[in-house]
């Protein structure tokens, strides 16, 4: 293996690169997690998280990956034998389904082709058919990291209301929070699941549940056992800035810094930057003559772009060549699209120059791997970024 010079270009769709400010914050000396100093930190981050989720309801923080937050959402609200409705939008929706099934939950899985988000009309139709109200929850992935497709959460909320169905609404924002506009309260989401290693620009290790009053009420009567994940104990102790067990203290220092960075830039500006960079990336893909996996322009992800390889060309071979020659990591295809796509992450701290550097590596890699393409993708992305001053304006949320 040839020694690589310079900084590694990490452009997977998460974990995202960690800003130096956050690295320095995490390097703070460890403190007593039962002290008044820690209580001040705890209250600060617990309250600050609400601004990112856009909620006035409790947000709990676990020392865990996003998978833990998925499990917490299930065990605090559902009981064995309950039925939930989910949409097959990609690999991560499939994994959430598997977790629910292991807890004895019956999952109705609306089939999908992994090239678009959840269909609000299909959800409305199924809920309208459920006259007995057997379906206890609708569970949707906001940004499907495996495919680069987003689901229209506001539209799904409207579909649920149109059906007049009382099901809980649970949304996975693990790869969308702090990168795509998200509105927990306005869209009447009952449980929002997230993680630290994407838009929040932290290492893996923190996960989140934002919890509505309706979900909290469900947690008082459901029958799935839990201890570590129990909301009731967590919320009670969080009120004083503490946690019921040892928290990830130094990651909370990093979270405090991440929240400050998001506030300084402004959430609307953060979302607009992600939209702008994603559009430039798709422009490059089109100029190369390649195809974006997500087929619905209204559902294109601002977080990542999944690119289909031409027939008979293996995406993993291409990624290996690009890593070895140009020191750039690109995301692999997962599940049904393994070996068929590579994924370009443009989330977190990413800016124009970082994206253009990554696109240069992608384009040189296409040539090095012998992948059929047209040159000029980087130039096309540059031209778009140079001519799109209006894209800096904040965009409305996708409803």
Protein backbone atom coordinates (compact mmCIF):
# COMPACT_ATOMS: atom_id res chain seq x y z
CA UNK A 1 0.00 0.00 0.00
CA UNK A 2 1.51 3.31 -1.08
CA UNK A 3 1.67 5.90 1.70
CA UNK A 4 -0.82 8.66 1.00
CA UNK A 5 0.16 12.28 1.45
CA UNK A 6 -2.13 15.05 2.58
CA UNK A 7 -5.47 14.90 4.30
CA UNK A 8 -7.79 12.00 3.56
CA UNK A 9 -10.98 12.97 1.69
CA UNK A 10 -13.78 11.33 3.65
CA UNK A 11 -16.91 11.59 1.49
CA UNK A 12 -19.01 8.72 2.72
CA UNK A 13 -22.53 9.69 3.87
CA UNK A 14 -21.45 9.51 7.51
CA UNK A 15 -19.67 9.50 9.78
CA UNK A 16 -18.94 12.92 8.37
CA UNK A 17 -15.63 14.76 8.88
CA UNK A 18 -15.34 16.29 12.34
CA UNK A 19 -14.55 20.03 12.44
CA UNK A 20 -11.46 21.02 14.40
CA UNK A 21 -13.58 23.07 16.79
CA UNK A 22 -15.52 19.97 17.78
CA UNK A 23 -12.37 17.86 18.09
CA UNK A 24 -10.92 20.43 20.48
CA UNK A 25 -14.14 20.49 22.51
CA UNK A 26 -14.15 16.71 22.83
CA UNK A 27 -10.55 16.90 24.10
CA UNK A 28 -11.67 18.75 27.26
CA UNK A 29 -10.63 17.08 30.52
CA UNK A 30 -13.19 14.63 31.85
CA UNK A 31 -15.42 15.99 34.62
CA UNK A 32 -17.58 14.49 37.35
CA UNK A 33 -20.90 13.58 35.74
CA UNK A 34 -22.66 14.13 39.08
CA UNK A 35 -21.31 17.66 39.57
CA UNK A 36 -22.99 21.04 39.24
CA UNK A 37 -20.63 21.78 36.34
CA UNK A 38 -21.93 18.77 34.47
CA UNK A 39 -25.56 19.67 35.22
CA UNK A 40 -24.99 23.00 33.47
CA UNK A 41 -23.61 21.17 30.43
CA UNK A 42 -26.45 18.64 30.48
CA UNK A 43 -29.18 21.25 30.62
CA UNK A 44 -27.51 23.25 27.86
CA UNK A 45 -27.32 20.41 25.34
CA UNK A 46 -30.72 18.93 26.19
CA UNK A 47 -32.36 22.31 25.63
CA UNK A 48 -30.21 23.13 22.60
CA UNK A 49 -31.19 19.92 20.82
CA UNK A 50 -34.79 21.08 20.76
CA UNK A 51 -33.91 23.88 18.34
CA UNK A 52 -32.49 21.40 15.83
CA UNK A 53 -35.46 19.03 16.07
CA UNK A 54 -37.76 22.09 16.08
CA UNK A 55 -39.67 20.91 19.09
CA UNK A 56 -40.71 22.08 22.54
CA UNK A 57 -41.05 18.46 23.67
CA UNK A 58 -38.37 16.39 25.46
CA UNK A 59 -35.31 15.18 23.56
CA UNK A 60 -33.42 12.35 25.25
CA UNK A 61 -29.80 11.46 24.50
CA UNK A 62 -28.39 7.94 24.75
CA UNK A 63 -24.77 6.78 24.66
CA UNK A 64 -25.49 4.63 21.59
CA UNK A 65 -25.55 4.46 17.82
CA UNK A 66 -28.65 5.31 15.82
CA UNK A 67 -29.65 1.65 16.01
CA UNK A 68 -30.10 2.11 19.75
CA UNK A 69 -32.42 5.04 19.09
CA UNK A 70 -34.46 2.83 16.72
CA UNK A 71 -34.81 0.25 19.47
CA UNK A 72 -35.70 2.88 22.07
CA UNK A 73 -38.52 4.17 19.85
CA UNK A 74 -39.96 0.66 19.57
CA UNK A 75 -39.68 -0.57 23.16
CA UNK A 76 -41.13 2.61 24.65
CA UNK A 77 -44.28 2.69 22.52
CA UNK A 78 -45.28 -0.75 21.20
CA UNK A 79 -46.28 -4.16 22.52
CA UNK A 80 -45.72 -7.67 21.14
CA UNK A 81 -48.32 -8.44 18.47
CA UNK A 82 -48.84 -4.80 17.50
CA UNK A 83 -48.94 -3.99 13.79
CA UNK A 84 -46.94 -1.13 12.26
CA UNK A 85 -46.79 0.26 8.74
CA UNK A 86 -43.40 0.89 7.13
CA UNK A 87 -42.18 1.73 3.63
CA UNK A 88 -39.39 -0.10 1.80
CA UNK A 89 -37.28 2.88 0.81
CA UNK A 90 -33.87 1.21 1.13
CA UNK A 91 -31.42 -0.66 3.32
CA UNK A 92 -32.03 1.27 6.52
CA UNK A 93 -35.81 1.04 6.36
CA UNK A 94 -35.27 -2.70 5.97
CA UNK A 95 -33.03 -2.82 9.06
CA UNK A 96 -35.59 -0.93 11.16
CA UNK A 97 -38.20 -3.47 10.03
CA UNK A 98 -35.93 -6.32 11.15
CA UNK A 99 -35.52 -4.81 14.62
CA UNK A 100 -39.28 -4.39 15.02
CA UNK A 101 -39.86 -7.99 13.95
CA UNK A 102 -37.40 -9.26 16.57
CA UNK A 103 -39.56 -7.63 19.25
CA UNK A 104 -42.65 -9.48 18.06
CA UNK A 105 -44.07 -6.56 16.10
CA UNK A 106 -46.03 -7.35 12.93
CA UNK A 107 -44.69 -5.18 10.11
CA UNK A 108 -46.67 -4.31 7.00
CA UNK A 109 -43.95 -3.30 4.54
CA UNK A 110 -45.11 -1.23 1.58
CA UNK A 111 -42.82 -2.48 -1.23
CA UNK A 112 -40.50 -0.06 -3.01
CA UNK A 113 -37.84 -0.07 -5.71
CA UNK A 114 -35.17 1.75 -3.65
CA UNK A 115 -35.27 4.69 -6.08
CA UNK A 116 -37.71 6.98 -4.30
CA UNK A 117 -39.04 7.92 -0.89
CA UNK A 118 -42.15 6.69 0.91
CA UNK A 119 -45.37 7.28 -1.03
CA UNK A 120 -47.83 9.42 0.99
CA UNK A 121 -50.75 8.24 -1.18
CA UNK A 122 -49.96 4.57 -0.53
CA UNK A 123 -49.75 5.25 3.21
CA UNK A 124 -53.07 7.11 3.17
CA UNK A 125 -54.75 4.30 1.23
CA UNK A 126 -53.56 1.60 3.63
CA UNK A 127 -54.53 3.59 6.72
CA UNK A 128 -57.98 4.28 5.25
CA UNK A 129 -58.47 0.52 4.79
CA UNK A 130 -57.60 -0.10 8.45
CA UNK A 131 -61.10 0.33 9.84
CA UNK A 132 -60.28 -1.71 12.96
CA UNK A 133 -57.31 0.60 13.70
CA UNK A 134 -54.94 -2.35 14.05
CA UNK A 135 -51.98 -0.29 12.82
CA UNK A 136 -50.36 1.29 15.88
CA UNK A 137 -47.55 3.26 14.19
CA UNK A 138 -46.33 4.53 10.84
CA UNK A 139 -42.52 4.35 10.70
CA UNK A 140 -40.60 6.17 7.94
CA UNK A 141 -36.94 6.93 7.16
CA UNK A 142 -36.63 10.64 6.30
CA UNK A 143 -33.36 10.40 4.36
CA UNK A 144 -32.54 6.92 3.11
CA UNK A 145 -28.75 6.88 3.33
CA UNK A 146 -28.42 3.82 1.12
CA UNK A 147 -30.19 5.40 -1.87
CA UNK A 148 -30.00 9.19 -1.63
CA UNK A 149 -33.80 9.52 -1.55
CA UNK A 150 -35.79 11.56 0.96
CA UNK A 151 -39.36 11.01 2.11
CA UNK A 152 -41.79 13.93 2.32
CA UNK A 153 -42.59 13.88 6.02
CA UNK A 154 -45.03 16.79 5.96
CA UNK A 155 -46.97 15.13 3.14
CA UNK A 156 -47.08 11.83 5.04
CA UNK A 157 -48.46 13.65 8.08
CA UNK A 158 -51.20 15.12 5.87
CA UNK A 159 -51.91 11.64 4.50
CA UNK A 160 -52.33 10.26 8.01
CA UNK A 161 -54.66 13.12 8.91
CA UNK A 162 -56.68 12.63 5.72
CA UNK A 163 -57.17 8.99 6.67
CA UNK A 164 -58.24 10.06 10.16
CA UNK A 165 -55.96 7.43 11.64
CA UNK A 166 -54.65 7.63 15.22
CA UNK A 167 -51.39 5.72 14.63
CA UNK A 168 -48.20 7.04 16.12
CA UNK A 169 -45.83 8.65 13.62
CA UNK A 170 -42.14 7.71 13.96
CA UNK A 171 -39.39 9.12 11.74
CA UNK A 172 -35.72 8.19 11.38
CA UNK A 173 -33.63 11.36 10.87
CA UNK A 174 -30.27 9.73 11.54
CA UNK A 175 -28.77 11.07 8.30
CA UNK A 176 -30.99 14.13 7.84
CA UNK A 177 -31.02 15.99 11.16
CA UNK A 178 -29.13 19.31 10.95
CA UNK A 179 -28.73 18.87 7.18
CA UNK A 180 -32.33 18.90 5.90
CA UNK A 181 -35.15 21.05 7.25
CA UNK A 182 -37.09 18.97 9.77
CA UNK A 183 -40.05 19.99 11.95
CA UNK A 184 -40.93 17.55 14.73
CA UNK A 185 -43.74 19.63 16.25
CA UNK A 186 -45.20 21.15 13.07
CA UNK A 187 -45.37 17.78 11.33
CA UNK A 188 -46.79 16.16 14.48
CA UNK A 189 -44.15 13.47 14.64
CA UNK A 190 -44.43 11.35 17.78
CA UNK A 191 -40.91 9.91 17.91
CA UNK A 192 -37.97 11.31 15.95
CA UNK A 193 -34.89 9.08 15.92
CA UNK A 194 -31.41 10.44 15.21
CA UNK A 195 -27.66 10.04 15.68
CA UNK A 196 -24.58 12.17 16.19
CA UNK A 197 -22.28 11.24 13.32
CA UNK A 198 -23.96 12.90 10.33
CA UNK A 199 -25.26 16.47 10.23
CA UNK A 200 -24.27 17.09 13.84
CA UNK A 201 -20.62 16.53 12.80
CA UNK A 202 -19.72 14.42 15.85
CA UNK A 203 -18.17 10.98 16.16
CA UNK A 204 -20.57 8.06 16.42
CA UNK A 205 -21.73 7.45 19.97
CA UNK A 206 -24.77 9.62 20.71
CA UNK A 207 -28.33 8.85 19.68
CA UNK A 208 -31.54 10.78 20.20
CA UNK A 209 -35.29 10.42 20.61
CA UNK A 210 -37.53 13.49 20.37
CA UNK A 211 -40.79 12.51 22.05
CA UNK A 212 -44.33 13.87 21.72
CA UNK A 213 -46.87 13.88 24.55
CA UNK A 214 -48.79 11.18 22.67
CA UNK A 215 -45.73 8.95 22.49
CA UNK A 216 -44.93 9.56 26.15
CA UNK A 217 -48.47 8.50 27.05
CA UNK A 218 -48.03 5.32 25.00
CA UNK A 219 -44.86 4.55 26.95
CA UNK A 220 -46.86 4.40 30.17
CA UNK A 221 -49.11 1.58 28.94
CA UNK A 222 -47.15 -0.50 26.39
CA UNK A 223 -45.76 -3.84 27.48
CA UNK A 224 -42.33 -4.26 25.86
CA UNK A 225 -39.66 -4.50 28.59
CA UNK A 226 -36.82 -1.98 28.76
CA UNK A 227 -34.36 -0.65 31.26
CA UNK A 228 -31.49 1.15 29.52
CA UNK A 229 -33.90 2.70 26.99
CA UNK A 230 -36.65 3.72 29.41
CA UNK A 231 -37.93 7.24 28.66
CA UNK A 232 -39.63 7.73 31.99
CA UNK A 233 -36.46 7.43 34.05
CA UNK A 234 -34.43 9.39 31.51
CA UNK A 235 -36.78 12.39 31.33
CA UNK A 236 -37.17 12.54 35.09
CA UNK A 237 -33.42 12.77 35.72
CA UNK A 238 -32.75 14.94 32.66
CA UNK A 239 -34.86 17.67 34.29
CA UNK A 240 -31.88 18.43 36.53
CA UNK A 241 -29.28 18.07 33.76
CA UNK A 242 -28.22 14.54 34.72
CA UNK A 243 -28.57 11.05 33.26
CA UNK A 244 -29.63 7.77 34.89
CA UNK A 245 -26.28 6.19 33.99
CA UNK A 246 -22.83 7.37 32.96
CA UNK A 247 -23.22 9.60 29.88
CA UNK A 248 -20.71 10.11 27.07
CA UNK A 249 -19.40 13.23 28.80
CA UNK A 250 -16.88 14.42 26.25
CA UNK A 251 -19.21 13.79 23.32
CA UNK A 252 -21.63 16.12 25.08
CA UNK A 253 -18.91 18.78 25.05
CA UNK A 254 -18.66 18.17 21.32
CA UNK A 255 -22.44 18.39 20.98
CA UNK A 256 -22.41 21.76 22.73
CA UNK A 257 -19.88 23.04 20.18
CA UNK A 258 -21.82 21.54 17.25
CA UNK A 259 -25.00 23.28 18.39
CA UNK A 260 -23.06 26.56 18.62
CA UNK A 261 -21.73 26.13 15.07
CA UNK A 262 -25.22 25.45 13.71
CA UNK A 263 -26.58 28.49 15.51
CA UNK A 264 -23.79 30.72 14.20
CA UNK A 265 -24.41 29.72 10.58
CA UNK A 266 -28.18 29.62 11.05
CA UNK A 267 -30.22 26.49 10.35
CA UNK A 268 -31.81 27.93 7.21
CA UNK A 269 -28.34 28.72 5.82
CA UNK A 270 -27.15 25.22 6.73
CA UNK A 271 -30.08 23.67 4.84
CA UNK A 272 -29.54 25.97 1.83
CA UNK A 273 -25.82 25.07 1.71
CA UNK A 274 -26.65 21.36 1.67
CA UNK A 275 -29.20 21.89 -1.11
CA UNK A 276 -26.69 23.92 -3.14
CA UNK A 277 -23.87 21.38 -2.84
CA UNK A 278 -26.18 18.47 -3.61
CA UNK A 279 -27.41 20.19 -6.77
CA UNK A 280 -23.82 20.78 -7.88
CA UNK A 281 -22.97 17.13 -7.27
CA UNK A 282 -25.94 15.96 -9.35
CA UNK A 283 -24.88 18.36 -12.09
CA UNK A 284 -21.47 16.67 -12.17
CA UNK A 285 -23.05 13.21 -12.33
CA UNK A 286 -25.23 14.28 -15.27
CA UNK A 287 -22.23 15.79 -17.06
CA UNK A 288 -20.36 12.48 -16.67
CA UNK A 289 -23.26 10.75 -18.39
CA UNK A 290 -24.00 8.66 -15.30
CA UNK A 291 -27.33 8.22 -13.51
CA UNK A 292 -28.43 9.28 -10.03
CA UNK A 293 -30.18 6.40 -8.25
CA UNK A 294 -33.04 8.53 -6.89
CA UNK A 295 -35.53 9.07 -9.72
CA UNK A 296 -37.83 11.74 -8.24
CA UNK A 297 -36.23 15.22 -8.30
CA UNK A 298 -38.49 16.29 -5.43
CA UNK A 299 -36.91 13.56 -3.31
CA UNK A 300 -33.23 14.09 -4.15
CA UNK A 301 -31.19 14.03 -0.97
CA UNK A 302 -29.24 17.12 0.12
CA UNK A 303 -27.00 14.81 2.18
CA UNK A 304 -25.60 12.39 -0.38
CA UNK A 305 -25.81 11.39 -4.02
CA UNK A 306 -25.97 7.71 -4.95
CA UNK A 307 -24.56 7.10 -8.43
CA UNK A 308 -25.41 4.07 -10.58
CA UNK A 309 -22.48 2.37 -12.26
CA UNK A 310 -22.76 1.44 -15.95
CA UNK A 311 -23.65 -2.22 -16.58
CA UNK A 312 -20.79 -4.71 -16.10
CA UNK A 313 -18.79 -2.24 -13.96
CA UNK A 314 -18.41 -3.01 -10.26
CA UNK A 315 -18.81 -0.06 -7.89
CA UNK A 316 -16.65 -1.62 -5.18
CA UNK A 317 -13.76 -2.15 -7.59
CA UNK A 318 -14.08 1.48 -8.63
CA UNK A 319 -14.12 2.66 -5.00
CA UNK A 320 -11.00 0.61 -4.24
CA UNK A 321 -9.07 2.09 -7.15
CA UNK A 322 -10.15 5.63 -6.26
CA UNK A 323 -9.14 5.17 -2.64
CA UNK A 324 -5.72 3.78 -3.50
CA UNK A 325 -4.89 6.36 -6.16
CA UNK A 326 -6.47 9.51 -4.76
CA UNK A 327 -6.99 8.94 -1.02
CA UNK A 328 -10.75 9.46 -1.09
CA UNK A 329 -13.37 7.29 0.60
CA UNK A 330 -16.74 6.99 -1.13
CA UNK A 331 -19.77 5.17 0.25
CA UNK A 332 -20.46 1.62 -0.84
CA UNK A 333 -23.72 0.22 -2.14
CA UNK A 334 -25.75 -1.60 0.51
CA UNK A 335 -28.23 -4.44 0.35
CA UNK A 336 -29.99 -4.69 -3.01
CA UNK A 337 -27.68 -2.12 -4.61
CA UNK A 338 -24.37 -3.56 -3.34
CA UNK A 339 -21.75 -3.31 -6.08
CA UNK A 340 -24.15 -1.33 -8.27
CA UNK A 341 -23.79 2.17 -6.80
CA UNK A 342 -21.28 4.36 -5.04
CA UNK A 343 -22.34 7.20 -2.78
CA UNK A 344 -20.86 10.70 -2.52
CA UNK A 345 -21.42 12.32 0.86
CA UNK A 346 -21.75 16.12 0.97
CA UNK A 347 -22.99 16.74 4.48
CA UNK A 348 -21.92 18.30 7.73
CA UNK A 349 -19.08 20.79 7.44
CA UNK A 350 -18.77 20.29 3.66
CA UNK A 351 -18.32 23.44 1.56
CA UNK A 352 -17.77 24.26 -2.12
CA UNK A 353 -14.03 23.56 -2.19
CA UNK A 354 -14.38 20.30 -0.27
CA UNK A 355 -17.06 19.14 -2.69
CA UNK A 356 -15.07 20.14 -5.77
CA UNK A 357 -12.01 18.32 -4.42
CA UNK A 358 -14.13 15.21 -3.91
CA UNK A 359 -15.65 15.46 -7.38
CA UNK A 360 -12.16 15.77 -8.85
CA UNK A 361 -11.21 12.51 -7.15
CA UNK A 362 -14.39 10.87 -8.39
CA UNK A 363 -13.76 11.97 -11.98
CA UNK A 364 -10.09 10.94 -11.99
CA UNK A 365 -11.16 7.64 -10.44
CA UNK A 366 -13.65 7.00 -13.23
CA UNK A 367 -10.82 7.35 -15.75
CA UNK A 368 -8.40 5.25 -13.70
CA UNK A 369 -10.97 2.44 -13.32
CA UNK A 370 -11.94 2.49 -16.98
CA UNK A 371 -15.55 3.41 -16.27
CA UNK A 372 -17.27 4.83 -19.39
CA UNK A 373 -18.05 8.50 -18.82
CA UNK A 374 -17.74 11.96 -20.30
CA UNK A 375 -15.20 14.35 -18.81
CA UNK A 376 -16.18 17.77 -17.50
CA UNK A 377 -18.28 16.93 -14.45
CA UNK A 378 -16.13 19.03 -12.14
CA UNK A 379 -16.28 22.01 -14.50
CA UNK A 380 -20.06 21.67 -14.73
CA UNK A 381 -20.35 21.68 -10.93
CA UNK A 382 -18.07 24.73 -10.74
CA UNK A 383 -20.16 26.61 -13.29
CA UNK A 384 -23.31 25.84 -11.37
CA UNK A 385 -21.85 27.01 -8.06
CA UNK A 386 -20.50 30.18 -9.63
CA UNK A 387 -23.81 31.05 -11.26
CA UNK A 388 -26.18 30.23 -8.45
CA UNK A 389 -25.97 33.09 -5.98
CA UNK A 390 -29.75 32.82 -5.59
CA UNK A 391 -29.28 29.33 -4.13
CA UNK A 392 -27.89 30.91 -0.99
CA UNK A 393 -31.38 32.03 -0.05
CA UNK A 394 -33.12 29.75 2.50
CA UNK A 395 -35.54 27.27 0.94
CA UNK A 396 -38.92 26.26 2.27
CA UNK A 397 -39.28 22.89 3.93
CA UNK A 398 -40.36 19.97 1.77
CA UNK A 399 -43.91 19.28 2.86
